[in-house]
Amino acid sequence: MCSIAALGITLGTNAHAQSKADLARGQQIATTVCAACHGPDGNSALAVNPNLAAQGEQYIASQLALFKSGKEDQGRLRASPIMQGIAAGLVKSDTQDDMKALGVYFSIQKLNRPAIPASKEQALKGQAIYRAGIRKLDVPACAGCHSPNGAGIPAQYPRLAGQWPEYTYQSLKNYASEQRKHPVMSAIAKRLNDEQMQAVAQYTAGLR
């Protein structure tokens, strides 16, 4: 009969081995499939494609699952012919989870190419919205879900710090039009005008 301590060591060893396997698999997919748009380490060279480096592990996996299904799930929807096609090739089974593997890999990569705000004036306006919201529009502070430094809540809300402002702005527009859906973000984005979206996007680009 094995002791509780021995069982703990065994479980820990298995978890470590699985983590290493996920990391290796994630790196393989990232460098062969994702690199063209997001860079081999998640540092995108083009503002139209988001930086994935340092993004939350669980968030990446959940978004890939949404892309793969192409259907609305609990009020969430991500529609992209390109990403749906890529995600379709990712395996999720009892022995292999490519989406989790990519999350593991990208989450530990360093954001070497963080974006910077193009407009200091816009960034300052965005700072006020991010930190305090807009009470008269019933817009809550972005920091409540994405954290004061933009790191996000990995399982639910993405890291915004250092993200391309063009990408963040387009995401807000997509939420407002419901091309992309989320129970919280769609409602909030609809209350923001174009200038306010631009301001928030500029501010979050400068967060570190």
N, C-alpha and C. Protein backbone atom coordinates (compact mmCIF):
# COMPACT_ATOMS: atom_id res chain seq x y z
N MET A 1 0.84 -1.19 0.00
CA MET A 1 0.00 0.00 0.00
C MET A 1 0.88 1.24 0.00
N CYS A 2 0.60 2.16 -0.94
CA CYS A 2 1.44 3.36 -1.00
C CYS A 2 0.94 4.38 0.01
N SER A 3 1.86 5.14 0.55
CA SER A 3 1.49 6.16 1.53
C SER A 3 0.92 7.38 0.82
N ILE A 4 0.26 8.25 1.61
CA ILE A 4 -0.28 9.49 1.05
C ILE A 4 0.84 10.34 0.49
N ALA A 5 1.97 10.37 1.18
CA ALA A 5 3.11 11.17 0.72
C ALA A 5 3.61 10.67 -0.62
N ALA A 6 3.71 9.33 -0.74
CA ALA A 6 4.19 8.74 -1.99
C ALA A 6 3.22 9.03 -3.13
N LEU A 7 1.93 8.97 -2.81
CA LEU A 7 0.91 9.26 -3.82
C LEU A 7 1.03 10.70 -4.28
N GLY A 8 1.29 11.61 -3.34
CA GLY A 8 1.44 13.02 -3.67
C GLY A 8 2.62 13.24 -4.60
N ILE A 9 3.72 12.54 -4.34
CA ILE A 9 4.91 12.65 -5.19
C ILE A 9 4.61 12.15 -6.59
N THR A 10 3.87 11.03 -6.65
CA THR A 10 3.52 10.45 -7.95
C THR A 10 2.65 11.40 -8.76
N LEU A 11 1.63 11.96 -8.10
CA LEU A 11 0.72 12.89 -8.78
C LEU A 11 1.47 14.13 -9.23
N GLY A 12 2.37 14.62 -8.38
CA GLY A 12 3.16 15.80 -8.74
C GLY A 12 4.06 15.54 -9.92
N THR A 13 4.67 14.36 -9.94
CA THR A 13 5.55 13.99 -11.04
C THR A 13 4.77 13.88 -12.34
N ASN A 14 3.59 13.27 -12.27
CA ASN A 14 2.76 13.13 -13.47
C ASN A 14 2.31 14.48 -14.00
N ALA A 15 1.95 15.38 -13.07
CA ALA A 15 1.52 16.72 -13.48
C ALA A 15 2.65 17.49 -14.15
N HIS A 16 3.87 17.33 -13.60
CA HIS A 16 5.03 18.00 -14.17
C HIS A 16 5.33 17.46 -15.57
N ALA A 17 5.23 16.14 -15.70
CA ALA A 17 5.48 15.52 -17.00
C ALA A 17 4.45 15.99 -18.03
N GLN A 18 3.18 16.09 -17.59
CA GLN A 18 2.12 16.54 -18.49
C GLN A 18 2.35 17.99 -18.91
N SER A 19 2.79 18.82 -17.95
CA SER A 19 3.05 20.22 -18.25
C SER A 19 4.16 20.37 -19.28
N LYS A 20 5.21 19.54 -19.14
CA LYS A 20 6.31 19.58 -20.10
C LYS A 20 5.84 19.11 -21.47
N ALA A 21 4.95 18.12 -21.48
CA ALA A 21 4.41 17.62 -22.75
C ALA A 21 3.56 18.69 -23.42
N ASP A 22 2.73 19.38 -22.62
CA ASP A 22 1.90 20.46 -23.15
C ASP A 22 2.77 21.57 -23.73
N LEU A 23 3.83 21.93 -23.01
CA LEU A 23 4.72 22.99 -23.46
C LEU A 23 5.38 22.62 -24.78
N ALA A 24 5.85 21.40 -24.89
CA ALA A 24 6.51 20.95 -26.11
C ALA A 24 5.52 20.92 -27.28
N ARG A 25 4.32 20.43 -27.02
CA ARG A 25 3.30 20.37 -28.07
C ARG A 25 2.87 21.78 -28.47
N GLY A 26 2.69 22.66 -27.48
CA GLY A 26 2.31 24.03 -27.77
C GLY A 26 3.35 24.75 -28.60
N GLN A 27 4.61 24.54 -28.28
CA GLN A 27 5.69 25.17 -29.05
C GLN A 27 5.70 24.66 -30.49
N GLN A 28 5.47 23.38 -30.66
CA GLN A 28 5.45 22.79 -31.99
C GLN A 28 4.35 23.43 -32.86
N ILE A 29 3.15 23.55 -32.30
CA ILE A 29 2.04 24.13 -33.06
C ILE A 29 2.27 25.62 -33.30
N ALA A 30 2.75 26.31 -32.27
CA ALA A 30 2.95 27.76 -32.37
C ALA A 30 3.96 28.11 -33.47
N THR A 31 5.03 27.35 -33.54
CA THR A 31 6.09 27.68 -34.50
C THR A 31 5.78 27.21 -35.92
N THR A 32 4.84 26.29 -36.06
CA THR A 32 4.53 25.79 -37.41
C THR A 32 3.20 26.31 -37.94
N VAL A 33 2.27 26.62 -37.04
CA VAL A 33 0.92 27.03 -37.49
C VAL A 33 0.63 28.49 -37.15
N CYS A 34 0.95 28.91 -35.94
CA CYS A 34 0.56 30.24 -35.47
C CYS A 34 1.56 31.34 -35.84
N ALA A 35 2.80 30.95 -36.11
CA ALA A 35 3.88 31.93 -36.28
C ALA A 35 3.64 32.95 -37.38
N ALA A 36 2.99 32.55 -38.46
CA ALA A 36 2.81 33.45 -39.60
C ALA A 36 2.05 34.72 -39.21
N CYS A 37 1.11 34.60 -38.30
CA CYS A 37 0.30 35.75 -37.90
C CYS A 37 0.68 36.31 -36.53
N HIS A 38 1.05 35.43 -35.60
CA HIS A 38 1.28 35.86 -34.22
C HIS A 38 2.74 35.81 -33.79
N GLY A 39 3.62 35.40 -34.69
CA GLY A 39 5.02 35.25 -34.32
C GLY A 39 5.24 33.93 -33.62
N PRO A 40 6.42 33.33 -33.73
CA PRO A 40 6.67 32.03 -33.11
C PRO A 40 6.58 32.04 -31.60
N ASP A 41 6.75 33.23 -30.99
CA ASP A 41 6.68 33.32 -29.53
C ASP A 41 5.51 34.18 -29.08
N GLY A 42 4.56 34.43 -29.97
CA GLY A 42 3.38 35.20 -29.60
C GLY A 42 3.53 36.69 -29.69
N ASN A 43 4.66 37.17 -30.23
CA ASN A 43 4.87 38.59 -30.44
C ASN A 43 4.54 38.92 -31.89
N SER A 44 3.35 39.47 -32.10
CA SER A 44 2.88 39.75 -33.45
C SER A 44 3.57 40.97 -34.04
N ALA A 45 3.88 40.88 -35.33
CA ALA A 45 4.53 42.00 -36.02
C ALA A 45 3.51 42.96 -36.62
N LEU A 46 2.25 42.55 -36.69
CA LEU A 46 1.21 43.36 -37.31
C LEU A 46 0.09 43.65 -36.32
N ALA A 47 -0.36 44.90 -36.30
CA ALA A 47 -1.37 45.32 -35.34
C ALA A 47 -2.71 44.62 -35.53
N VAL A 48 -2.97 44.11 -36.72
CA VAL A 48 -4.24 43.43 -36.97
C VAL A 48 -4.31 42.09 -36.25
N ASN A 49 -3.13 41.54 -35.91
CA ASN A 49 -3.06 40.25 -35.22
C ASN A 49 -2.62 40.49 -33.77
N PRO A 50 -3.35 39.98 -32.80
CA PRO A 50 -3.00 40.27 -31.40
C PRO A 50 -1.72 39.61 -30.94
N ASN A 51 -1.06 40.28 -29.99
CA ASN A 51 0.04 39.64 -29.28
C ASN A 51 -0.56 38.57 -28.37
N LEU A 52 0.04 37.39 -28.40
CA LEU A 52 -0.42 36.29 -27.54
C LEU A 52 0.57 36.01 -26.41
N ALA A 53 1.77 36.53 -26.53
CA ALA A 53 2.77 36.33 -25.49
C ALA A 53 2.28 36.90 -24.17
N ALA A 54 2.41 36.12 -23.10
CA ALA A 54 2.02 36.50 -21.74
C ALA A 54 0.51 36.54 -21.53
N GLN A 55 -0.25 36.11 -22.53
CA GLN A 55 -1.70 36.04 -22.36
C GLN A 55 -2.04 34.87 -21.45
N GLY A 56 -3.18 34.93 -20.78
CA GLY A 56 -3.55 33.88 -19.84
C GLY A 56 -3.75 32.52 -20.51
N GLU A 57 -3.22 31.49 -19.87
CA GLU A 57 -3.29 30.12 -20.40
C GLU A 57 -4.73 29.68 -20.65
N GLN A 58 -5.58 29.84 -19.64
CA GLN A 58 -6.96 29.37 -19.76
C GLN A 58 -7.75 30.22 -20.75
N TYR A 59 -7.42 31.51 -20.80
CA TYR A 59 -8.14 32.40 -21.73
C TYR A 59 -7.86 31.99 -23.18
N ILE A 60 -6.61 31.73 -23.49
CA ILE A 60 -6.26 31.31 -24.85
C ILE A 60 -6.98 30.03 -25.21
N ALA A 61 -6.97 29.06 -24.32
CA ALA A 61 -7.64 27.78 -24.59
C ALA A 61 -9.13 27.97 -24.82
N SER A 62 -9.76 28.82 -24.01
CA SER A 62 -11.21 29.03 -24.14
C SER A 62 -11.57 29.73 -25.44
N GLN A 63 -10.71 30.67 -25.88
CA GLN A 63 -11.00 31.38 -27.12
C GLN A 63 -10.80 30.46 -28.33
N LEU A 64 -9.82 29.61 -28.27
CA LEU A 64 -9.62 28.64 -29.36
C LEU A 64 -10.80 27.69 -29.45
N ALA A 65 -11.35 27.32 -28.30
CA ALA A 65 -12.53 26.44 -28.29
C ALA A 65 -13.72 27.14 -28.93
N LEU A 66 -13.87 28.45 -28.69
CA LEU A 66 -14.96 29.21 -29.31
C LEU A 66 -14.76 29.28 -30.82
N PHE A 67 -13.53 29.54 -31.25
CA PHE A 67 -13.24 29.57 -32.68
C PHE A 67 -13.55 28.22 -33.32
N LYS A 68 -13.15 27.16 -32.65
CA LYS A 68 -13.32 25.82 -33.19
C LYS A 68 -14.80 25.47 -33.38
N SER A 69 -15.63 25.86 -32.41
CA SER A 69 -17.05 25.53 -32.49
C SER A 69 -17.78 26.40 -33.51
N GLY A 70 -17.39 27.67 -33.57
CA GLY A 70 -18.05 28.59 -34.48
C GLY A 70 -19.48 28.91 -34.08
N LYS A 71 -19.87 28.49 -32.87
CA LYS A 71 -21.24 28.69 -32.41
C LYS A 71 -21.26 29.49 -31.11
N GLU A 72 -22.40 30.10 -30.83
CA GLU A 72 -22.55 30.85 -29.60
C GLU A 72 -22.62 29.88 -28.42
N ASP A 73 -21.87 30.21 -27.37
CA ASP A 73 -21.83 29.36 -26.18
C ASP A 73 -21.96 30.24 -24.95
N GLN A 74 -23.10 30.15 -24.25
CA GLN A 74 -23.35 30.92 -23.04
C GLN A 74 -23.15 32.42 -23.30
N GLY A 75 -23.67 32.87 -24.43
CA GLY A 75 -23.60 34.29 -24.77
C GLY A 75 -22.28 34.73 -25.35
N ARG A 76 -21.37 33.79 -25.59
CA ARG A 76 -20.06 34.14 -26.15
C ARG A 76 -19.96 33.61 -27.58
N LEU A 77 -19.35 34.40 -28.44
CA LEU A 77 -19.19 34.00 -29.84
C LEU A 77 -17.96 34.67 -30.42
N ARG A 78 -17.14 33.89 -31.13
CA ARG A 78 -16.01 34.45 -31.88
C ARG A 78 -16.08 33.90 -33.30
N ALA A 79 -16.33 34.80 -34.23
CA ALA A 79 -16.47 34.37 -35.62
C ALA A 79 -15.30 34.88 -36.45
N SER A 80 -14.53 33.98 -37.01
CA SER A 80 -13.41 34.33 -37.87
C SER A 80 -13.14 33.13 -38.78
N PRO A 81 -13.39 33.27 -40.08
CA PRO A 81 -13.16 32.15 -41.00
C PRO A 81 -11.72 31.61 -40.92
N ILE A 82 -10.78 32.53 -40.75
CA ILE A 82 -9.37 32.11 -40.69
C ILE A 82 -9.11 31.31 -39.43
N MET A 83 -9.50 31.88 -38.28
CA MET A 83 -9.23 31.20 -37.02
C MET A 83 -10.06 29.94 -36.85
N GLN A 84 -11.26 29.94 -37.37
CA GLN A 84 -12.08 28.73 -37.27
C GLN A 84 -11.43 27.59 -38.05
N GLY A 85 -10.87 27.94 -39.22
CA GLY A 85 -10.19 26.93 -40.02
C GLY A 85 -8.96 26.38 -39.32
N ILE A 86 -8.21 27.26 -38.66
CA ILE A 86 -7.01 26.82 -37.93
C ILE A 86 -7.39 25.99 -36.71
N ALA A 87 -8.36 26.48 -35.96
CA ALA A 87 -8.78 25.77 -34.74
C ALA A 87 -9.38 24.41 -35.04
N ALA A 88 -9.95 24.27 -36.24
CA ALA A 88 -10.56 22.99 -36.62
C ALA A 88 -9.53 21.86 -36.60
N GLY A 89 -8.27 22.21 -36.83
CA GLY A 89 -7.22 21.19 -36.86
C GLY A 89 -6.62 20.88 -35.50
N LEU A 90 -7.07 21.57 -34.46
CA LEU A 90 -6.53 21.33 -33.12
C LEU A 90 -7.27 20.18 -32.45
N VAL A 91 -6.53 19.29 -31.87
CA VAL A 91 -7.08 18.08 -31.25
C VAL A 91 -7.42 18.32 -29.78
N LYS A 92 -8.57 17.84 -29.38
CA LYS A 92 -8.93 17.84 -27.96
C LYS A 92 -9.51 16.47 -27.63
N SER A 93 -8.76 15.69 -26.88
CA SER A 93 -9.18 14.33 -26.53
C SER A 93 -8.73 14.02 -25.11
N ASP A 94 -8.95 12.80 -24.69
CA ASP A 94 -8.55 12.40 -23.34
C ASP A 94 -7.04 12.39 -23.17
N THR A 95 -6.32 12.23 -24.27
CA THR A 95 -4.86 12.12 -24.19
C THR A 95 -4.12 13.32 -24.77
N GLN A 96 -4.83 14.21 -25.46
CA GLN A 96 -4.17 15.34 -26.09
C GLN A 96 -5.12 16.54 -26.15
N ASP A 97 -4.62 17.68 -25.73
CA ASP A 97 -5.42 18.91 -25.78
C ASP A 97 -4.54 20.01 -26.35
N ASP A 98 -4.63 20.21 -27.67
CA ASP A 98 -3.79 21.19 -28.34
C ASP A 98 -4.09 22.62 -27.91
N MET A 99 -5.34 22.89 -27.59
CA MET A 99 -5.72 24.24 -27.18
C MET A 99 -5.10 24.59 -25.82
N LYS A 100 -5.14 23.64 -24.91
CA LYS A 100 -4.49 23.85 -23.61
C LYS A 100 -2.98 23.98 -23.79
N ALA A 101 -2.43 23.18 -24.67
CA ALA A 101 -0.98 23.21 -24.92
C ALA A 101 -0.54 24.58 -25.43
N LEU A 102 -1.31 25.15 -26.34
CA LEU A 102 -0.98 26.48 -26.85
C LEU A 102 -1.10 27.52 -25.74
N GLY A 103 -2.11 27.36 -24.88
CA GLY A 103 -2.25 28.27 -23.75
C GLY A 103 -1.04 28.22 -22.84
N VAL A 104 -0.58 27.01 -22.54
CA VAL A 104 0.60 26.82 -21.69
C VAL A 104 1.81 27.50 -22.32
N TYR A 105 2.01 27.28 -23.61
CA TYR A 105 3.19 27.81 -24.30
C TYR A 105 3.18 29.34 -24.35
N PHE A 106 2.09 29.92 -24.85
CA PHE A 106 2.06 31.37 -25.02
C PHE A 106 2.05 32.11 -23.69
N SER A 107 1.46 31.52 -22.67
CA SER A 107 1.35 32.21 -21.37
C SER A 107 2.71 32.47 -20.73
N ILE A 108 3.72 31.66 -21.05
CA ILE A 108 5.03 31.85 -20.42
C ILE A 108 6.01 32.60 -21.31
N GLN A 109 5.56 33.00 -22.49
CA GLN A 109 6.44 33.77 -23.37
C GLN A 109 6.48 35.23 -22.93
N LYS A 110 7.61 35.87 -23.13
CA LYS A 110 7.78 37.27 -22.75
C LYS A 110 7.26 38.18 -23.85
N LEU A 111 6.52 39.21 -23.46
CA LEU A 111 6.03 40.17 -24.43
C LEU A 111 7.18 41.11 -24.78
N ASN A 112 7.87 40.79 -25.87
CA ASN A 112 9.06 41.54 -26.27
C ASN A 112 8.74 42.74 -27.16
N ARG A 113 7.51 42.77 -27.67
CA ARG A 113 7.14 43.83 -28.60
C ARG A 113 5.85 44.51 -28.13
N PRO A 114 5.83 45.01 -26.89
CA PRO A 114 4.60 45.64 -26.40
C PRO A 114 4.30 46.92 -27.16
N ALA A 115 3.04 47.16 -27.42
CA ALA A 115 2.64 48.36 -28.13
C ALA A 115 2.75 49.58 -27.22
N ILE A 116 2.82 50.74 -27.83
CA ILE A 116 2.84 51.99 -27.07
C ILE A 116 1.73 52.88 -27.60
N PRO A 117 1.15 53.73 -26.76
CA PRO A 117 0.08 54.60 -27.22
C PRO A 117 0.58 55.60 -28.24
N ALA A 118 -0.20 55.82 -29.28
CA ALA A 118 0.18 56.77 -30.33
C ALA A 118 -0.20 58.19 -29.96
N SER A 119 -1.14 58.34 -29.03
CA SER A 119 -1.62 59.66 -28.64
C SER A 119 -1.68 59.77 -27.13
N LYS A 120 -0.86 60.65 -26.56
CA LYS A 120 -0.86 60.85 -25.11
C LYS A 120 -2.19 61.42 -24.64
N GLU A 121 -2.76 62.32 -25.45
CA GLU A 121 -4.04 62.93 -25.09
C GLU A 121 -5.15 61.88 -25.00
N GLN A 122 -5.19 61.00 -26.01
CA GLN A 122 -6.20 59.92 -25.99
C GLN A 122 -5.96 58.98 -24.82
N ALA A 123 -4.71 58.66 -24.58
CA ALA A 123 -4.37 57.73 -23.50
C ALA A 123 -4.83 58.27 -22.14
N LEU A 124 -4.71 59.56 -21.93
CA LEU A 124 -5.15 60.15 -20.67
C LEU A 124 -6.67 60.06 -20.52
N LYS A 125 -7.38 60.25 -21.63
CA LYS A 125 -8.84 60.10 -21.59
C LYS A 125 -9.20 58.64 -21.30
N GLY A 126 -8.44 57.74 -21.92
CA GLY A 126 -8.67 56.31 -21.71
C GLY A 126 -8.37 55.89 -20.28
N GLN A 127 -7.38 56.53 -19.68
CA GLN A 127 -7.02 56.22 -18.30
C GLN A 127 -8.20 56.47 -17.36
N ALA A 128 -8.90 57.57 -17.58
CA ALA A 128 -10.05 57.91 -16.73
C ALA A 128 -11.15 56.86 -16.85
N ILE A 129 -11.40 56.41 -18.08
CA ILE A 129 -12.42 55.38 -18.29
C ILE A 129 -11.98 54.05 -17.69
N TYR A 130 -10.72 53.70 -17.93
CA TYR A 130 -10.20 52.42 -17.46
C TYR A 130 -10.24 52.33 -15.95
N ARG A 131 -9.90 53.41 -15.29
CA ARG A 131 -9.81 53.39 -13.82
C ARG A 131 -11.13 53.63 -13.11
N ALA A 132 -11.98 54.48 -13.71
CA ALA A 132 -13.20 54.87 -13.00
C ALA A 132 -14.48 54.58 -13.75
N GLY A 133 -14.40 54.22 -15.03
CA GLY A 133 -15.61 54.00 -15.82
C GLY A 133 -16.28 55.31 -16.19
N ILE A 134 -17.51 55.22 -16.67
CA ILE A 134 -18.31 56.41 -17.00
C ILE A 134 -19.67 56.22 -16.34
N ARG A 135 -19.85 56.85 -15.20
CA ARG A 135 -21.04 56.61 -14.39
C ARG A 135 -22.34 56.93 -15.14
N LYS A 136 -22.36 58.03 -15.85
CA LYS A 136 -23.60 58.45 -16.51
C LYS A 136 -24.01 57.51 -17.64
N LEU A 137 -23.06 56.72 -18.14
CA LEU A 137 -23.36 55.75 -19.19
C LEU A 137 -23.47 54.33 -18.64
N ASP A 138 -23.32 54.21 -17.32
CA ASP A 138 -23.33 52.90 -16.67
C ASP A 138 -22.22 51.99 -17.22
N VAL A 139 -21.07 52.61 -17.44
CA VAL A 139 -19.90 51.87 -17.90
C VAL A 139 -18.97 51.66 -16.70
N PRO A 140 -18.73 50.42 -16.28
CA PRO A 140 -17.86 50.18 -15.12
C PRO A 140 -16.39 50.38 -15.47
N ALA A 141 -15.57 50.51 -14.46
CA ALA A 141 -14.13 50.63 -14.67
C ALA A 141 -13.59 49.34 -15.29
N CYS A 142 -12.81 49.50 -16.33
CA CYS A 142 -12.22 48.33 -17.00
C CYS A 142 -11.31 47.55 -16.06
N ALA A 143 -10.69 48.30 -15.13
CA ALA A 143 -9.74 47.67 -14.20
C ALA A 143 -10.39 46.62 -13.32
N GLY A 144 -11.70 46.69 -13.15
CA GLY A 144 -12.39 45.71 -12.31
C GLY A 144 -12.26 44.30 -12.82
N CYS A 145 -12.23 44.14 -14.14
CA CYS A 145 -12.11 42.80 -14.74
C CYS A 145 -10.73 42.54 -15.34
N HIS A 146 -10.11 43.60 -15.83
CA HIS A 146 -8.81 43.43 -16.51
C HIS A 146 -7.63 43.78 -15.62
N SER A 147 -7.92 44.11 -14.34
CA SER A 147 -6.94 44.45 -13.32
C SER A 147 -6.31 45.82 -13.57
N PRO A 148 -5.86 46.50 -12.51
CA PRO A 148 -5.30 47.84 -12.65
C PRO A 148 -4.11 47.93 -13.61
N ASN A 149 -3.31 46.87 -13.67
CA ASN A 149 -2.15 46.91 -14.56
C ASN A 149 -2.40 46.24 -15.91
N GLY A 150 -3.65 45.86 -16.17
CA GLY A 150 -3.99 45.28 -17.47
C GLY A 150 -3.66 43.82 -17.63
N ALA A 151 -3.32 43.14 -16.52
CA ALA A 151 -2.94 41.73 -16.61
C ALA A 151 -4.14 40.82 -16.82
N GLY A 152 -5.35 41.30 -16.50
CA GLY A 152 -6.55 40.50 -16.70
C GLY A 152 -6.76 39.46 -15.62
N ILE A 153 -7.85 38.73 -15.76
CA ILE A 153 -8.13 37.56 -14.91
C ILE A 153 -8.02 36.37 -15.85
N PRO A 154 -6.91 35.64 -15.83
CA PRO A 154 -6.57 34.65 -16.86
C PRO A 154 -7.67 33.72 -17.33
N ALA A 155 -8.52 33.25 -16.43
CA ALA A 155 -9.54 32.28 -16.84
C ALA A 155 -10.73 32.94 -17.52
N GLN A 156 -10.91 34.26 -17.32
CA GLN A 156 -12.12 34.91 -17.81
C GLN A 156 -11.86 36.11 -18.71
N TYR A 157 -10.95 36.98 -18.28
CA TYR A 157 -10.73 38.23 -19.00
C TYR A 157 -9.28 38.35 -19.43
N PRO A 158 -9.05 38.78 -20.67
CA PRO A 158 -7.69 38.76 -21.22
C PRO A 158 -6.78 39.86 -20.70
N ARG A 159 -5.51 39.61 -20.86
CA ARG A 159 -4.50 40.64 -20.62
C ARG A 159 -4.63 41.68 -21.73
N LEU A 160 -4.67 42.95 -21.34
CA LEU A 160 -4.73 44.05 -22.31
C LEU A 160 -3.44 44.84 -22.35
N ALA A 161 -2.64 44.72 -21.31
CA ALA A 161 -1.40 45.49 -21.23
C ALA A 161 -0.48 45.18 -22.42
N GLY A 162 -0.06 46.23 -23.11
CA GLY A 162 0.88 46.06 -24.21
C GLY A 162 0.27 45.55 -25.49
N GLN A 163 -1.06 45.39 -25.51
CA GLN A 163 -1.71 44.88 -26.71
C GLN A 163 -1.78 46.00 -27.76
N TRP A 164 -1.76 45.60 -29.03
CA TRP A 164 -1.87 46.58 -30.10
C TRP A 164 -3.16 47.40 -29.90
N PRO A 165 -3.09 48.75 -29.88
CA PRO A 165 -4.30 49.55 -29.70
C PRO A 165 -5.29 49.37 -30.83
N GLU A 166 -4.78 49.15 -32.04
CA GLU A 166 -5.67 48.92 -33.18
C GLU A 166 -6.51 47.65 -32.98
N TYR A 167 -5.87 46.63 -32.40
CA TYR A 167 -6.59 45.38 -32.17
C TYR A 167 -7.63 45.54 -31.06
N THR A 168 -7.26 46.21 -29.98
CA THR A 168 -8.20 46.42 -28.87
C THR A 168 -9.39 47.25 -29.33
N TYR A 169 -9.11 48.29 -30.11
CA TYR A 169 -10.18 49.14 -30.63
C TYR A 169 -11.12 48.34 -31.52
N GLN A 170 -10.57 47.53 -32.41
CA GLN A 170 -11.41 46.73 -33.30
C GLN A 170 -12.23 45.71 -32.52
N SER A 171 -11.65 45.17 -31.46
CA SER A 171 -12.38 44.22 -30.63
C SER A 171 -13.59 44.88 -29.97
N LEU A 172 -13.41 46.11 -29.49
CA LEU A 172 -14.52 46.84 -28.88
C LEU A 172 -15.62 47.11 -29.91
N LYS A 173 -15.21 47.45 -31.13
CA LYS A 173 -16.19 47.68 -32.20
C LYS A 173 -16.95 46.39 -32.51
N ASN A 174 -16.22 45.29 -32.54
CA ASN A 174 -16.86 44.00 -32.83
C ASN A 174 -17.84 43.60 -31.73
N TYR A 175 -17.49 43.90 -30.48
CA TYR A 175 -18.41 43.63 -29.38
C TYR A 175 -19.68 44.48 -29.53
N ALA A 176 -19.50 45.74 -29.88
CA ALA A 176 -20.63 46.65 -30.00
C ALA A 176 -21.59 46.21 -31.11
N SER A 177 -21.02 45.69 -32.20
CA SER A 177 -21.85 45.24 -33.33
C SER A 177 -22.32 43.80 -33.18
N GLU A 178 -21.81 43.13 -32.14
CA GLU A 178 -22.10 41.72 -31.85
C GLU A 178 -21.54 40.77 -32.92
N GLN A 179 -20.57 41.25 -33.67
CA GLN A 179 -19.81 40.33 -34.52
C GLN A 179 -19.03 39.38 -33.61
N ARG A 180 -18.64 39.92 -32.46
CA ARG A 180 -18.05 39.13 -31.39
C ARG A 180 -18.93 39.34 -30.17
N LYS A 181 -19.29 38.27 -29.47
CA LYS A 181 -20.23 38.40 -28.37
C LYS A 181 -19.64 37.95 -27.04
N HIS A 182 -20.04 38.68 -26.01
CA HIS A 182 -19.72 38.32 -24.63
C HIS A 182 -20.77 38.99 -23.76
N PRO A 183 -21.35 38.28 -22.80
CA PRO A 183 -22.44 38.83 -21.99
C PRO A 183 -22.13 40.18 -21.35
N VAL A 184 -20.89 40.36 -20.93
CA VAL A 184 -20.49 41.61 -20.27
C VAL A 184 -19.97 42.63 -21.28
N MET A 185 -19.01 42.21 -22.10
CA MET A 185 -18.33 43.15 -22.99
C MET A 185 -19.23 43.71 -24.08
N SER A 186 -20.14 42.92 -24.60
CA SER A 186 -21.04 43.42 -25.64
C SER A 186 -21.90 44.56 -25.12
N ALA A 187 -22.41 44.39 -23.91
CA ALA A 187 -23.26 45.42 -23.30
C ALA A 187 -22.47 46.70 -23.03
N ILE A 188 -21.25 46.55 -22.54
CA ILE A 188 -20.42 47.72 -22.24
C ILE A 188 -20.02 48.45 -23.51
N ALA A 189 -19.56 47.72 -24.51
CA ALA A 189 -19.09 48.33 -25.75
C ALA A 189 -20.17 49.14 -26.45
N LYS A 190 -21.40 48.70 -26.33
CA LYS A 190 -22.52 49.41 -26.97
C LYS A 190 -22.76 50.79 -26.36
N ARG A 191 -22.25 51.00 -25.16
CA ARG A 191 -22.45 52.29 -24.48
C ARG A 191 -21.31 53.27 -24.76
N LEU A 192 -20.27 52.79 -25.42
CA LEU A 192 -19.11 53.64 -25.72
C LEU A 192 -19.20 54.18 -27.14
N ASN A 193 -18.78 55.43 -27.32
CA ASN A 193 -18.69 55.95 -28.68
C ASN A 193 -17.31 55.66 -29.24
N ASP A 194 -17.10 56.01 -30.48
CA ASP A 194 -15.85 55.67 -31.16
C ASP A 194 -14.64 56.31 -30.47
N GLU A 195 -14.78 57.54 -30.07
CA GLU A 195 -13.68 58.24 -29.42
C GLU A 195 -13.30 57.58 -28.11
N GLN A 196 -14.30 57.14 -27.35
CA GLN A 196 -14.03 56.49 -26.07
C GLN A 196 -13.36 55.13 -26.26
N MET A 197 -13.77 54.41 -27.29
CA MET A 197 -13.11 53.13 -27.60
C MET A 197 -11.64 53.35 -27.96
N GLN A 198 -11.39 54.35 -28.79
CA GLN A 198 -10.02 54.66 -29.18
C GLN A 198 -9.18 55.03 -27.96
N ALA A 199 -9.77 55.80 -27.06
CA ALA A 199 -9.04 56.25 -25.87
C ALA A 199 -8.64 55.07 -24.98
N VAL A 200 -9.58 54.17 -24.73
CA VAL A 200 -9.30 53.00 -23.90
C VAL A 200 -8.20 52.14 -24.56
N ALA A 201 -8.30 51.97 -25.86
CA ALA A 201 -7.32 51.16 -26.58
C ALA A 201 -5.93 51.76 -26.50
N GLN A 202 -5.84 53.09 -26.58
CA GLN A 202 -4.54 53.75 -26.48
C GLN A 202 -3.96 53.61 -25.07
N TYR A 203 -4.81 53.74 -24.07
CA TYR A 203 -4.31 53.65 -22.69
C TYR A 203 -3.81 52.24 -22.37
N THR A 204 -4.59 51.23 -22.72
CA THR A 204 -4.19 49.86 -22.38
C THR A 204 -2.90 49.44 -23.10
N ALA A 205 -2.66 50.03 -24.27
CA ALA A 205 -1.41 49.70 -24.98
C ALA A 205 -0.20 50.08 -24.16
N GLY A 206 -0.33 51.12 -23.35
CA GLY A 206 0.80 51.59 -22.56
C GLY A 206 0.94 50.96 -21.20
N LEU A 207 -0.02 50.12 -20.81
CA LEU A 207 0.07 49.45 -19.50
C LEU A 207 1.15 48.38 -19.54
N ARG A 208 1.79 48.19 -18.40
CA ARG A 208 2.84 47.17 -18.30
C ARG A 208 2.66 46.37 -17.00
